[in-house]
Amino acid sequence: MRGMIKNIITTERCIAGIGNAYSDEVLWEARLHPFRKRTDIPPEAIAGLFHGIRRVMDWATPIVAQLMEEKGLPVKMYRDHLRVHAKGGEACPRDGHRITSITSGNRETNFCRACQE
């Protein structure tokens, strides 16, 4: 697929179930800039992306399941556990630089310009 990596991983043709918020988390985990073209990403970084998906889902799924049990739906409102999504202006948990927040087409993208290439 061609295009920016965030758009690709949020497309259900590519990977079903990764929405806007978790795409920010996955890309942060994989240290990939969300606006980077997929064709410019080397194979080892793509492998890191898939490992990042797994790591994010492994830690996030139990948290969301517990929130659903305790508070019910909609879980979308409970995003305090996320590390970078909706954290624009806050410190990156990895390196302390400020998280950048860009809104385009009713979709917010959050990332660290220092640690995401």
Protein backbone atom coordinates (compact mmCIF):
# COMPACT_ATOMS: atom_id res chain seq x y z
CA MET A 1 0.00 0.00 0.00
CA ARG A 2 1.07 3.55 -0.64
CA GLY A 3 0.56 6.57 1.55
CA MET A 4 1.37 7.82 5.02
CA ILE A 5 1.81 5.08 7.59
CA LYS A 6 -0.90 6.36 9.94
CA ASN A 7 -3.47 6.34 7.15
CA ILE A 8 -2.44 2.84 6.16
CA ILE A 9 -2.67 1.27 9.62
CA THR A 10 -6.08 2.85 10.27
CA THR A 11 -7.46 1.46 7.00
CA GLU A 12 -9.44 -1.70 7.63
CA ARG A 13 -8.18 -3.18 4.36
CA CYS A 14 -4.75 -3.28 6.00
CA ILE A 15 -5.38 -3.96 9.70
CA ALA A 16 -8.87 -4.13 11.17
CA GLY A 17 -9.44 -2.61 14.58
CA ILE A 18 -6.70 -0.01 14.91
CA GLY A 19 -8.43 3.32 15.13
CA ASN A 20 -7.12 6.83 15.40
CA ALA A 21 -6.18 6.76 19.09
CA TYR A 22 -4.40 3.43 19.03
CA SER A 23 -2.61 4.25 15.79
CA ASP A 24 -0.90 7.10 17.68
CA GLU A 25 0.09 4.66 20.41
CA VAL A 26 1.34 1.99 17.98
CA LEU A 27 3.40 4.46 15.95
CA TRP A 28 4.90 5.91 19.14
CA GLU A 29 5.78 2.41 20.33
CA ALA A 30 7.38 1.61 16.95
CA ARG A 31 9.14 5.03 16.88
CA LEU A 32 7.61 5.85 13.49
CA HIS A 33 6.51 9.32 12.44
CA PRO A 34 2.80 9.18 11.50
CA PHE A 35 3.26 11.19 8.30
CA ARG A 36 6.13 9.10 7.00
CA LYS A 37 5.46 7.41 3.67
CA ARG A 38 5.18 3.65 3.93
CA THR A 39 7.48 3.25 0.92
CA ASP A 40 10.23 5.11 2.82
CA ILE A 41 10.15 2.73 5.78
CA PRO A 42 12.74 -0.08 5.68
CA PRO A 43 11.63 -3.70 6.21
CA GLU A 44 13.12 -3.88 9.72
CA ALA A 45 11.06 -0.84 10.78
CA ILE A 46 7.92 -2.46 9.32
CA ALA A 47 8.72 -5.51 11.45
CA GLY A 48 9.05 -3.14 14.42
CA LEU A 49 5.63 -1.73 13.55
CA PHE A 50 4.02 -5.16 13.80
CA HIS A 51 5.79 -5.79 17.11
CA GLY A 52 4.54 -2.38 18.26
CA ILE A 53 0.96 -3.32 17.41
CA ARG A 54 1.27 -6.44 19.49
CA ARG A 55 2.87 -4.65 22.47
CA VAL A 56 0.23 -1.90 22.51
CA MET A 57 -2.65 -4.35 22.25
CA ASP A 58 -1.12 -6.57 24.95
CA TRP A 59 -1.02 -3.75 27.53
CA ALA A 60 -4.14 -1.86 26.41
CA THR A 61 -6.63 -4.73 26.09
CA PRO A 62 -6.75 -5.64 29.81
CA ILE A 63 -7.07 -1.96 30.75
CA VAL A 64 -9.98 -1.41 28.36
CA ALA A 65 -11.64 -4.66 29.47
CA GLN A 66 -11.45 -3.54 33.09
CA LEU A 67 -12.83 -0.10 32.21
CA MET A 68 -15.73 -1.70 30.36
CA GLU A 69 -16.47 -3.91 33.35
CA GLU A 70 -16.28 -1.04 35.85
CA LYS A 71 -17.78 1.83 33.89
CA GLY A 72 -19.57 0.26 30.94
CA LEU A 73 -19.70 1.73 27.47
CA PRO A 74 -18.66 3.97 25.82
CA VAL A 75 -15.04 3.16 26.58
CA LYS A 76 -13.98 5.76 24.01
CA MET A 77 -14.38 8.38 26.73
CA TYR A 78 -11.79 6.65 28.94
CA ARG A 79 -8.42 7.36 27.41
CA ASP A 80 -6.30 8.30 30.42
CA HIS A 81 -4.18 5.17 30.00
CA LEU A 82 -2.95 6.24 26.57
CA ARG A 83 0.60 7.58 26.43
CA VAL A 84 0.52 10.04 23.52
CA HIS A 85 -2.97 10.23 22.04
CA ALA A 86 -4.74 13.44 23.10
CA LYS A 87 -1.62 14.48 25.03
CA GLY A 88 -0.56 17.37 22.80
CA GLY A 89 1.75 19.76 24.65
CA GLU A 90 2.56 17.24 27.38
CA ALA A 91 5.95 15.61 27.84
CA CYS A 92 6.75 12.49 25.84
CA PRO A 93 6.93 9.57 28.29
CA ARG A 94 10.04 8.29 26.51
CA ASP A 95 12.24 11.37 26.15
CA GLY A 96 10.48 14.35 27.74
CA HIS A 97 10.07 16.39 24.53
CA ARG A 98 6.66 17.93 23.93
CA ILE A 99 4.01 15.84 22.18
CA THR A 100 2.85 17.49 18.95
CA SER A 101 -0.86 17.49 18.17
CA ILE A 102 -2.12 18.07 14.63
CA THR A 103 -5.77 18.04 13.64
CA SER A 104 -6.71 17.35 10.04
CA GLY A 105 -10.04 16.23 8.68
CA ASN A 106 -11.61 15.79 12.14
CA ARG A 107 -8.80 13.43 13.13
CA GLU A 108 -6.24 14.29 15.78
CA THR A 109 -2.70 12.95 15.41
CA ASN A 110 -0.30 13.04 18.35
CA PHE A 111 3.40 12.19 18.18
CA CYS A 112 6.84 13.06 19.47
CA ARG A 113 8.98 14.84 16.89
CA ALA A 114 12.14 13.84 18.76
CA CYS A 115 11.77 10.06 19.02
CA GLN A 116 9.51 9.18 16.11
CA GLU A 117 11.35 9.14 12.80
